[in-house]
Structure formats: structure tokens, C-alpha cells
Amino acid sequence: FIELYLDKQLVGVAVTDILPDSLSAVYSYFE
């Protein structure tokens, strides 16, 4: 989970699979 915080509040999450040679963006959502 790649998290975005603004003033200690969670405002975005990018759910990401980490693979040997790549990343795969599974889903993202935000405030």
C-alpha cells in the first residue's frame, strides 16, 4: 500500500504488487 498523508491524515492509497522486475498497479483510491 503506497500511502499518501497530508497533516497525518490518510488521503490516498495505491494498492501495488511488487514483482521481481516490475510493479503492477492493482487499484488506487483517494479522498
Full PDB file with SEQRES, HELIX, SHEET, SSBOND, CRYST1, ORIGX, SCALE, CONECT and MASTER records, all heavy atoms in Angstrom:
SEQRES   1 A   31  PHE ILE GLU LEU TYR LEU ASP LYS GLN LEU VAL GLY VAL          
SEQRES   2 A   31  ALA VAL THR ASP ILE LEU PRO ASP SER LEU SER ALA VAL          
SEQRES   3 A   31  TYR SER TYR PHE GLU                                          
SHEET    1 AA1 3 ILE A   2  LEU A   6  0                                        
SHEET    2 AA1 3 GLN A   9  ILE A  18 -1                                        
SHEET    3 AA1 3 LEU A  23  PHE A  30 -1                                        
CRYST1    1.000    1.000    1.000  90.00  90.00  90.00 P 1           1          
ORIGX1      1.000000  0.000000  0.000000        0.00000                         
ORIGX2      0.000000  1.000000  0.000000        0.00000                         
ORIGX3      0.000000  0.000000  1.000000        0.00000                         
SCALE1      1.000000  0.000000  0.000000        0.00000                         
SCALE2      0.000000  1.000000  0.000000        0.00000                         
SCALE3      0.000000  0.000000  1.000000        0.00000                         
ATOM      1  N   PHE A   1       0.856  -1.180   0.000  1.00  0.00           N  
ATOM      2  CA  PHE A   1       0.000   0.000   0.000  1.00  0.00           C  
ATOM      3  C   PHE A   1       0.894   1.231   0.000  1.00  0.00           C  
ATOM      4  O   PHE A   1       1.608   1.485   0.978  1.00  0.00           O  
ATOM      5  CB  PHE A   1      -0.913  -0.004   1.227  1.00  0.00           C  
ATOM      6  CG  PHE A   1      -1.767  -1.240   1.357  1.00  0.00           C  
ATOM      7  CD1 PHE A   1      -1.293  -2.338   2.057  1.00  0.00           C  
ATOM      8  CD2 PHE A   1      -3.011  -1.302   0.761  1.00  0.00           C  
ATOM      9  CE1 PHE A   1      -2.066  -3.483   2.178  1.00  0.00           C  
ATOM     10  CE2 PHE A   1      -3.789  -2.445   0.870  1.00  0.00           C  
ATOM     11  CZ  PHE A   1      -3.319  -3.535   1.573  1.00  0.00           C  
ATOM     12  N   ILE A   2       0.879   1.967  -1.108  1.00  0.00           N  
ATOM     13  CA  ILE A   2       1.596   3.238  -1.181  1.00  0.00           C  
ATOM     14  C   ILE A   2       0.630   4.299  -0.675  1.00  0.00           C  
ATOM     15  O   ILE A   2      -0.379   4.595  -1.312  1.00  0.00           O  
ATOM     16  CB  ILE A   2       2.065   3.532  -2.612  1.00  0.00           C  
ATOM     17  CG1 ILE A   2       3.028   2.433  -3.086  1.00  0.00           C  
ATOM     18  CG2 ILE A   2       2.751   4.899  -2.681  1.00  0.00           C  
ATOM     19  CD1 ILE A   2       3.437   2.557  -4.541  1.00  0.00           C  
ATOM     20  N   GLU A   3       0.934   4.837   0.501  1.00  0.00           N  
ATOM     21  CA  GLU A   3       0.006   5.721   1.198  1.00  0.00           C  
ATOM     22  C   GLU A   3       0.422   7.187   1.027  1.00  0.00           C  
ATOM     23  O   GLU A   3       1.607   7.521   1.062  1.00  0.00           O  
ATOM     24  CB  GLU A   3      -0.023   5.385   2.685  1.00  0.00           C  
ATOM     25  CG  GLU A   3      -0.377   3.947   3.001  1.00  0.00           C  
ATOM     26  CD  GLU A   3      -0.169   3.631   4.469  1.00  0.00           C  
ATOM     27  OE1 GLU A   3       0.810   4.169   5.057  1.00  0.00           O  
ATOM     28  OE2 GLU A   3      -0.951   2.853   5.026  1.00  0.00           O  
ATOM     29  N   LEU A   4      -0.568   8.055   0.898  1.00  0.00           N  
ATOM     30  CA  LEU A   4      -0.357   9.495   0.879  1.00  0.00           C  
ATOM     31  C   LEU A   4      -0.951  10.091   2.150  1.00  0.00           C  
ATOM     32  O   LEU A   4      -2.109   9.807   2.490  1.00  0.00           O  
ATOM     33  CB  LEU A   4      -1.021  10.141  -0.341  1.00  0.00           C  
ATOM     34  CG  LEU A   4      -0.648   9.608  -1.723  1.00  0.00           C  
ATOM     35  CD1 LEU A   4      -1.336  10.438  -2.802  1.00  0.00           C  
ATOM     36  CD2 LEU A   4       0.859   9.608  -1.934  1.00  0.00           C  
ATOM     37  N   TYR A   5      -0.152  10.897   2.856  1.00  0.00           N  
ATOM     38  CA  TYR A   5      -0.608  11.537   4.075  1.00  0.00           C  
ATOM     39  C   TYR A   5      -0.472  13.050   3.952  1.00  0.00           C  
ATOM     40  O   TYR A   5       0.555  13.560   3.501  1.00  0.00           O  
ATOM     41  CB  TYR A   5       0.203  11.066   5.280  1.00  0.00           C  
ATOM     42  CG  TYR A   5      -0.157   9.686   5.764  1.00  0.00           C  
ATOM     43  CD1 TYR A   5       0.466   8.562   5.221  1.00  0.00           C  
ATOM     44  CD2 TYR A   5      -1.119   9.498   6.754  1.00  0.00           C  
ATOM     45  CE1 TYR A   5       0.147   7.286   5.666  1.00  0.00           C  
ATOM     46  CE2 TYR A   5      -1.446   8.224   7.195  1.00  0.00           C  
ATOM     47  CZ  TYR A   5      -0.817   7.129   6.650  1.00  0.00           C  
ATOM     48  OH  TYR A   5      -1.140   5.871   7.082  1.00  0.00           O  
ATOM     49  N   LEU A   6      -1.514  13.743   4.382  1.00  0.00           N  
ATOM     50  CA  LEU A   6      -1.484  15.197   4.471  1.00  0.00           C  
ATOM     51  C   LEU A   6      -1.857  15.574   5.900  1.00  0.00           C  
ATOM     52  O   LEU A   6      -2.957  15.258   6.363  1.00  0.00           O  
ATOM     53  CB  LEU A   6      -2.474  15.828   3.490  1.00  0.00           C  
ATOM     54  CG  LEU A   6      -2.556  17.353   3.495  1.00  0.00           C  
ATOM     55  CD1 LEU A   6      -1.221  17.975   3.089  1.00  0.00           C  
ATOM     56  CD2 LEU A   6      -3.673  17.848   2.591  1.00  0.00           C  
ATOM     57  N   ASP A   7      -0.921  16.213   6.596  1.00  0.00           N  
ATOM     58  CA  ASP A   7      -1.140  16.576   8.004  1.00  0.00           C  
ATOM     59  C   ASP A   7      -1.562  15.360   8.822  1.00  0.00           C  
ATOM     60  O   ASP A   7      -2.531  15.397   9.599  1.00  0.00           O  
ATOM     61  CB  ASP A   7      -2.195  17.682   8.114  1.00  0.00           C  
ATOM     62  CG  ASP A   7      -1.757  18.969   7.421  1.00  0.00           C  
ATOM     63  OD1 ASP A   7      -0.538  19.233   7.396  1.00  0.00           O  
ATOM     64  OD2 ASP A   7      -2.626  19.683   6.902  1.00  0.00           O  
ATOM     65  N   LYS A   8      -0.862  14.241   8.592  1.00  0.00           N  
ATOM     66  CA  LYS A   8      -1.063  12.982   9.320  1.00  0.00           C  
ATOM     67  C   LYS A   8      -2.394  12.301   9.006  1.00  0.00           C  
ATOM     68  O   LYS A   8      -2.751  11.315   9.667  1.00  0.00           O  
ATOM     69  CB  LYS A   8      -0.929  13.208  10.832  1.00  0.00           C  
ATOM     70  CG  LYS A   8       0.442  13.715  11.250  1.00  0.00           C  
ATOM     71  CD  LYS A   8       0.542  13.840  12.756  1.00  0.00           C  
ATOM     72  CE  LYS A   8       1.938  14.339  13.162  1.00  0.00           C  
ATOM     73  NZ  LYS A   8       2.077  14.452  14.636  1.00  0.00           N  
ATOM     74  N   GLN A   9      -3.112  12.798   8.018  1.00  0.00           N  
ATOM     75  CA  GLN A   9      -4.362  12.166   7.609  1.00  0.00           C  
ATOM     76  C   GLN A   9      -4.145  11.401   6.306  1.00  0.00           C  
ATOM     77  O   GLN A   9      -3.563  11.932   5.351  1.00  0.00           O  
ATOM     78  CB  GLN A   9      -5.460  13.217   7.397  1.00  0.00           C  
ATOM     79  CG  GLN A   9      -6.773  12.630   6.879  1.00  0.00           C  
ATOM     80  CD  GLN A   9      -7.789  13.692   6.516  1.00  0.00           C  
ATOM     81  OE1 GLN A   9      -7.604  14.875   6.824  1.00  0.00           O  
ATOM     82  NE2 GLN A   9      -8.859  13.298   5.844  1.00  0.00           N  
ATOM     83  N   LEU A  10      -4.611  10.157   6.248  1.00  0.00           N  
ATOM     84  CA  LEU A  10      -4.503   9.359   5.024  1.00  0.00           C  
ATOM     85  C   LEU A  10      -5.434   9.929   3.965  1.00  0.00           C  
ATOM     86  O   LEU A  10      -6.646  10.040   4.183  1.00  0.00           O  
ATOM     87  CB  LEU A  10      -4.877   7.902   5.316  1.00  0.00           C  
ATOM     88  CG  LEU A  10      -4.781   6.938   4.126  1.00  0.00           C  
ATOM     89  CD1 LEU A  10      -3.314   6.691   3.755  1.00  0.00           C  
ATOM     90  CD2 LEU A  10      -5.468   5.612   4.450  1.00  0.00           C  
ATOM     91  N   VAL A  11      -4.879  10.278   2.799  1.00  0.00           N  
ATOM     92  CA  VAL A  11      -5.693  10.883   1.742  1.00  0.00           C  
ATOM     93  C   VAL A  11      -5.625  10.102   0.428  1.00  0.00           C  
ATOM     94  O   VAL A  11      -6.348  10.418  -0.519  1.00  0.00           O  
ATOM     95  CB  VAL A  11      -5.290  12.349   1.493  1.00  0.00           C  
ATOM     96  CG1 VAL A  11      -5.538  13.193   2.736  1.00  0.00           C  
ATOM     97  CG2 VAL A  11      -3.833  12.460   1.046  1.00  0.00           C  
ATOM     98  N   GLY A  12      -4.766   9.096   0.346  1.00  0.00           N  
ATOM     99  CA  GLY A  12      -4.676   8.316  -0.886  1.00  0.00           C  
ATOM    100  C   GLY A  12      -3.967   7.000  -0.647  1.00  0.00           C  
ATOM    101  O   GLY A  12      -3.073   6.923   0.207  1.00  0.00           O  
ATOM    102  N   VAL A  13      -4.384   5.967  -1.400  1.00  0.00           N  
ATOM    103  CA  VAL A  13      -3.747   4.656  -1.316  1.00  0.00           C  
ATOM    104  C   VAL A  13      -3.639   4.075  -2.716  1.00  0.00           C  
ATOM    105  O   VAL A  13      -4.632   4.038  -3.463  1.00  0.00           O  
ATOM    106  CB  VAL A  13      -4.555   3.675  -0.430  1.00  0.00           C  
ATOM    107  CG1 VAL A  13      -3.924   2.284  -0.464  1.00  0.00           C  
ATOM    108  CG2 VAL A  13      -4.637   4.179   1.003  1.00  0.00           C  
ATOM    109  N   ALA A  14      -2.450   3.643  -3.091  1.00  0.00           N  
ATOM    110  CA  ALA A  14      -2.232   2.913  -4.337  1.00  0.00           C  
ATOM    111  C   ALA A  14      -1.870   1.485  -3.971  1.00  0.00           C  
ATOM    112  O   ALA A  14      -0.764   1.230  -3.473  1.00  0.00           O  
ATOM    113  CB  ALA A  14      -1.129   3.556  -5.171  1.00  0.00           C  
ATOM    114  N   VAL A  15      -2.793   0.549  -4.172  1.00  0.00           N  
ATOM    115  CA  VAL A  15      -2.526  -0.860  -3.900  1.00  0.00           C  
ATOM    116  C   VAL A  15      -1.662  -1.385  -5.043  1.00  0.00           C  
ATOM    117  O   VAL A  15      -2.056  -1.295  -6.218  1.00  0.00           O  
ATOM    118  CB  VAL A  15      -3.831  -1.664  -3.784  1.00  0.00           C  
ATOM    119  CG1 VAL A  15      -3.529  -3.105  -3.390  1.00  0.00           C  
ATOM    120  CG2 VAL A  15      -4.765  -1.013  -2.765  1.00  0.00           C  
ATOM    121  N   THR A  16      -0.493  -1.902  -4.722  1.00  0.00           N  
ATOM    122  CA  THR A  16       0.527  -2.204  -5.726  1.00  0.00           C  
ATOM    123  C   THR A  16       1.152  -3.562  -5.458  1.00  0.00           C  
ATOM    124  O   THR A  16       1.518  -3.870  -4.322  1.00  0.00           O  
ATOM    125  CB  THR A  16       1.636  -1.128  -5.698  1.00  0.00           C  
ATOM    126  OG1 THR A  16       1.046   0.175  -5.780  1.00  0.00           O  
ATOM    127  CG2 THR A  16       2.605  -1.313  -6.845  1.00  0.00           C  
ATOM    128  N   ASP A  17       1.277  -4.372  -6.511  1.00  0.00           N  
ATOM    129  CA  ASP A  17       2.006  -5.635  -6.412  1.00  0.00           C  
ATOM    130  C   ASP A  17       3.460  -5.393  -6.812  1.00  0.00           C  
ATOM    131  O   ASP A  17       3.726  -4.796  -7.867  1.00  0.00           O  
ATOM    132  CB  ASP A  17       1.401  -6.692  -7.330  1.00  0.00           C  
ATOM    133  CG  ASP A  17       0.053  -7.202  -6.814  1.00  0.00           C  
ATOM    134  OD1 ASP A  17      -0.223  -7.028  -5.608  1.00  0.00           O  
ATOM    135  OD2 ASP A  17      -0.714  -7.760  -7.614  1.00  0.00           O  
ATOM    136  N   ILE A  18       4.392  -5.856  -5.979  1.00  0.00           N  
ATOM    137  CA  ILE A  18       5.817  -5.722  -6.259  1.00  0.00           C  
ATOM    138  C   ILE A  18       6.332  -7.069  -6.742  1.00  0.00           C  
ATOM    139  O   ILE A  18       6.284  -8.061  -6.007  1.00  0.00           O  
ATOM    140  CB  ILE A  18       6.584  -5.242  -5.014  1.00  0.00           C  
ATOM    141  CG1 ILE A  18       6.037  -3.884  -4.544  1.00  0.00           C  
ATOM    142  CG2 ILE A  18       8.075  -5.142  -5.309  1.00  0.00           C  
ATOM    143  CD1 ILE A  18       6.697  -3.353  -3.283  1.00  0.00           C  
ATOM    144  N   LEU A  19       6.828  -7.103  -7.959  1.00  0.00           N  
ATOM    145  CA  LEU A  19       7.284  -8.326  -8.614  1.00  0.00           C  
ATOM    146  C   LEU A  19       8.786  -8.237  -8.871  1.00  0.00           C  
ATOM    147  O   LEU A  19       9.396  -7.177  -8.693  1.00  0.00           O  
ATOM    148  CB  LEU A  19       6.494  -8.531  -9.901  1.00  0.00           C  
ATOM    149  CG  LEU A  19       4.990  -8.690  -9.648  1.00  0.00           C  
ATOM    150  CD1 LEU A  19       4.187  -8.288 -10.869  1.00  0.00           C  
ATOM    151  CD2 LEU A  19       4.668 -10.101  -9.231  1.00  0.00           C  
ATOM    152  N   PRO A  20       9.417  -9.340  -9.288  1.00  0.00           N  
ATOM    153  CA  PRO A  20      10.877  -9.317  -9.448  1.00  0.00           C  
ATOM    154  C   PRO A  20      11.387  -8.182 -10.332  1.00  0.00           C  
ATOM    155  O   PRO A  20      12.400  -7.547 -10.000  1.00  0.00           O  
ATOM    156  CB  PRO A  20      11.177 -10.696 -10.054  1.00  0.00           C  
ATOM    157  CG  PRO A  20      10.107 -11.579  -9.513  1.00  0.00           C  
ATOM    158  CD  PRO A  20       8.876 -10.708  -9.469  1.00  0.00           C  
ATOM    159  N   ASP A  21      10.720  -7.913 -11.453  1.00  0.00           N  
ATOM    160  CA  ASP A  21      11.225  -6.912 -12.398  1.00  0.00           C  
ATOM    161  C   ASP A  21      10.230  -5.795 -12.689  1.00  0.00           C  
ATOM    162  O   ASP A  21      10.467  -4.983 -13.583  1.00  0.00           O  
ATOM    163  CB  ASP A  21      11.617  -7.584 -13.718  1.00  0.00           C  
ATOM    164  CG  ASP A  21      12.805  -8.527 -13.545  1.00  0.00           C  
ATOM    165  OD1 ASP A  21      13.776  -8.128 -12.884  1.00  0.00           O  
ATOM    166  OD2 ASP A  21      12.746  -9.661 -14.050  1.00  0.00           O  
ATOM    167  N   SER A  22       9.116  -5.760 -11.965  1.00  0.00           N  
ATOM    168  CA  SER A  22       8.101  -4.770 -12.297  1.00  0.00           C  
ATOM    169  C   SER A  22       7.193  -4.496 -11.109  1.00  0.00           C  
ATOM    170  O   SER A  22       7.220  -5.207 -10.101  1.00  0.00           O  
ATOM    171  CB  SER A  22       7.261  -5.257 -13.489  1.00  0.00           C  
ATOM    172  OG  SER A  22       6.587  -6.467 -13.155  1.00  0.00           O  
ATOM    173  N   LEU A  23       6.385  -3.451 -11.256  1.00  0.00           N  
ATOM    174  CA  LEU A  23       5.281  -3.165 -10.352  1.00  0.00           C  
ATOM    175  C   LEU A  23       3.988  -3.301 -11.139  1.00  0.00           C  
ATOM    176  O   LEU A  23       3.943  -3.013 -12.335  1.00  0.00           O  
ATOM    177  CB  LEU A  23       5.373  -1.742  -9.784  1.00  0.00           C  
ATOM    178  CG  LEU A  23       6.625  -1.339  -8.998  1.00  0.00           C  
ATOM    179  CD1 LEU A  23       6.462   0.082  -8.472  1.00  0.00           C  
ATOM    180  CD2 LEU A  23       6.891  -2.295  -7.867  1.00  0.00           C  
ATOM    181  N   SER A  24       2.941  -3.705 -10.447  1.00  0.00           N  
ATOM    182  CA  SER A  24       1.620  -3.763 -11.068  1.00  0.00           C  
ATOM    183  C   SER A  24       0.654  -2.947 -10.222  1.00  0.00           C  
ATOM    184  O   SER A  24       0.480  -3.215  -9.027  1.00  0.00           O  
ATOM    185  CB  SER A  24       1.124  -5.209 -11.185  1.00  0.00           C  
ATOM    186  OG  SER A  24      -0.185  -5.249 -11.729  1.00  0.00           O  
ATOM    187  N   ALA A  25       0.059  -1.923 -10.833  1.00  0.00           N  
ATOM    188  CA  ALA A  25      -0.907  -1.074 -10.139  1.00  0.00           C  
ATOM    189  C   ALA A  25      -2.241  -1.813 -10.075  1.00  0.00           C  
ATOM    190  O   ALA A  25      -2.910  -1.981 -11.095  1.00  0.00           O  
ATOM    191  CB  ALA A  25      -1.059   0.252 -10.875  1.00  0.00           C  
ATOM    192  N   VAL A  26      -2.626  -2.260  -8.882  1.00  0.00           N  
ATOM    193  CA  VAL A  26      -3.858  -3.037  -8.720  1.00  0.00           C  
ATOM    194  C   VAL A  26      -5.069  -2.118  -8.660  1.00  0.00           C  
ATOM    195  O   VAL A  26      -6.038  -2.282  -9.406  1.00  0.00           O  
ATOM    196  CB  VAL A  26      -3.780  -3.914  -7.462  1.00  0.00           C  
ATOM    197  CG1 VAL A  26      -5.059  -4.731  -7.284  1.00  0.00           C  
ATOM    198  CG2 VAL A  26      -2.569  -4.839  -7.533  1.00  0.00           C  
ATOM    199  N   TYR A  27      -5.029  -1.124  -7.775  1.00  0.00           N  
ATOM    200  CA  TYR A  27      -6.147  -0.177  -7.675  1.00  0.00           C  
ATOM    201  C   TYR A  27      -5.696   0.999  -6.817  1.00  0.00           C  
ATOM    202  O   TYR A  27      -4.893   0.836  -5.881  1.00  0.00           O  
ATOM    203  CB  TYR A  27      -7.371  -0.835  -7.029  1.00  0.00           C  
ATOM    204  CG  TYR A  27      -8.648  -0.038  -7.231  1.00  0.00           C  
ATOM    205  CD1 TYR A  27      -9.256   0.033  -8.481  1.00  0.00           C  
ATOM    206  CD2 TYR A  27      -9.221   0.657  -6.174  1.00  0.00           C  
ATOM    207  CE1 TYR A  27     -10.408   0.774  -8.661  1.00  0.00           C  
ATOM    208  CE2 TYR A  27     -10.381   1.400  -6.350  1.00  0.00           C  
ATOM    209  CZ  TYR A  27     -10.967   1.456  -7.603  1.00  0.00           C  
ATOM    210  OH  TYR A  27     -12.112   2.191  -7.806  1.00  0.00           O  
ATOM    211  N   SER A  28      -6.207   2.183  -7.125  1.00  0.00           N  
ATOM    212  CA  SER A  28      -5.912   3.381  -6.351  1.00  0.00           C  
ATOM    213  C   SER A  28      -7.202   4.078  -5.961  1.00  0.00           C  
ATOM    214  O   SER A  28      -8.178   4.066  -6.717  1.00  0.00           O  
ATOM    215  CB  SER A  28      -5.037   4.354  -7.166  1.00  0.00           C  
ATOM    216  OG  SER A  28      -3.778   3.787  -7.458  1.00  0.00           O  
ATOM    217  N   TYR A  29      -7.193   4.692  -4.802  1.00  0.00           N  
ATOM    218  CA  TYR A  29      -8.347   5.474  -4.357  1.00  0.00           C  
ATOM    219  C   TYR A  29      -7.844   6.599  -3.467  1.00  0.00           C  
ATOM    220  O   TYR A  29      -6.735   6.537  -2.918  1.00  0.00           O  
ATOM    221  CB  TYR A  29      -9.361   4.590  -3.623  1.00  0.00           C  
ATOM    222  CG  TYR A  29      -8.790   3.720  -2.524  1.00  0.00           C  
ATOM    223  CD1 TYR A  29      -8.769   4.151  -1.201  1.00  0.00           C  
ATOM    224  CD2 TYR A  29      -8.261   2.460  -2.802  1.00  0.00           C  
ATOM    225  CE1 TYR A  29      -8.240   3.362  -0.192  1.00  0.00           C  
ATOM    226  CE2 TYR A  29      -7.731   1.657  -1.795  1.00  0.00           C  
ATOM    227  CZ  TYR A  29      -7.726   2.120  -0.500  1.00  0.00           C  
ATOM    228  OH  TYR A  29      -7.193   1.334   0.493  1.00  0.00           O  
ATOM    229  N   PHE A  30      -8.634   7.655  -3.354  1.00  0.00           N  
ATOM    230  CA  PHE A  30      -8.161   8.844  -2.662  1.00  0.00           C  
ATOM    231  C   PHE A  30      -9.340   9.617  -2.088  1.00  0.00           C  
ATOM    232  O   PHE A  30     -10.507   9.305  -2.363  1.00  0.00           O  
ATOM    233  CB  PHE A  30      -7.341   9.730  -3.604  1.00  0.00           C  
ATOM    234  CG  PHE A  30      -8.042  10.070  -4.892  1.00  0.00           C  
ATOM    235  CD1 PHE A  30      -8.889  11.167  -4.983  1.00  0.00           C  
ATOM    236  CD2 PHE A  30      -7.860   9.289  -6.024  1.00  0.00           C  
ATOM    237  CE1 PHE A  30      -9.534  11.477  -6.172  1.00  0.00           C  
ATOM    238  CE2 PHE A  30      -8.495   9.594  -7.217  1.00  0.00           C  
ATOM    239  CZ  PHE A  30      -9.339  10.692  -7.282  1.00  0.00           C  
ATOM    240  N   GLU A  31      -9.007  10.628  -1.290  1.00  0.00           N  
ATOM    241  CA  GLU A  31     -10.029  11.455  -0.661  1.00  0.00           C  
ATOM    242  C   GLU A  31     -10.809  12.204  -1.748  1.00  0.00           C  
ATOM    243  O   GLU A  31     -10.240  13.039  -2.457  1.00  0.00           O  
ATOM    244  CB  GLU A  31      -9.376  12.444   0.300  1.00  0.00           C  
ATOM    245  CG  GLU A  31     -10.352  13.211   1.157  1.00  0.00           C  
ATOM    246  CD  GLU A  31     -11.168  12.286   2.047  1.00  0.00           C  
ATOM    247  OE1 GLU A  31     -10.586  11.597   2.897  1.00  0.00           O  
ATOM    248  OE2 GLU A  31     -12.412  12.261   1.865  1.00  0.00           O  
TER     249      GLU A  31                                                      
MASTER        0    0    0    0    3    0    0    6  248    1    0    3          
END                                                                             
